[in-house]
């Protein structure tokens, strides 16, 4: 068997990672604790995509650099100490990474972690749909 390289290897890695996250999502879908969560399957899919985007080490965990990148992308750069505090709040204890299960527990749970509030705020901003395609023609009276 030939060993995959480059983009193909990365695609296989992401595919395996997505399979693992899908298995965790299935466990959450069948968990009685989350039975009353509205649109659970849709939320889990959105959380999975967001998690995969910031899993920089591709090991299934968001590390300090992934969290830093996530917050910088949102325009909320944080100090190293603030990042460590967020990590310990989500993962509990002295963990240096956020697992997908910790991430889902935070997003679906009752606790209001700082990171949860930031991500939910970003999600609300992205829900605004912009019209697609070319802009409609305007005349001079419609210009600002």
Foldseek 3Di string as FASTA:
>chain_A
DDDDDDPVVVVVLLVVLLVVLVVVLVVLCPDPVCVPPPPSVVVSVVLSVVQSVLCVVSPQWRFLVSVQVVCVVLVRHDDSVVSQVLQCVQCPDRDRTHHSVSVCCQCRDPDDRPVNVSVVVVVVVVVDDDDDDDDDDDDPVPDD
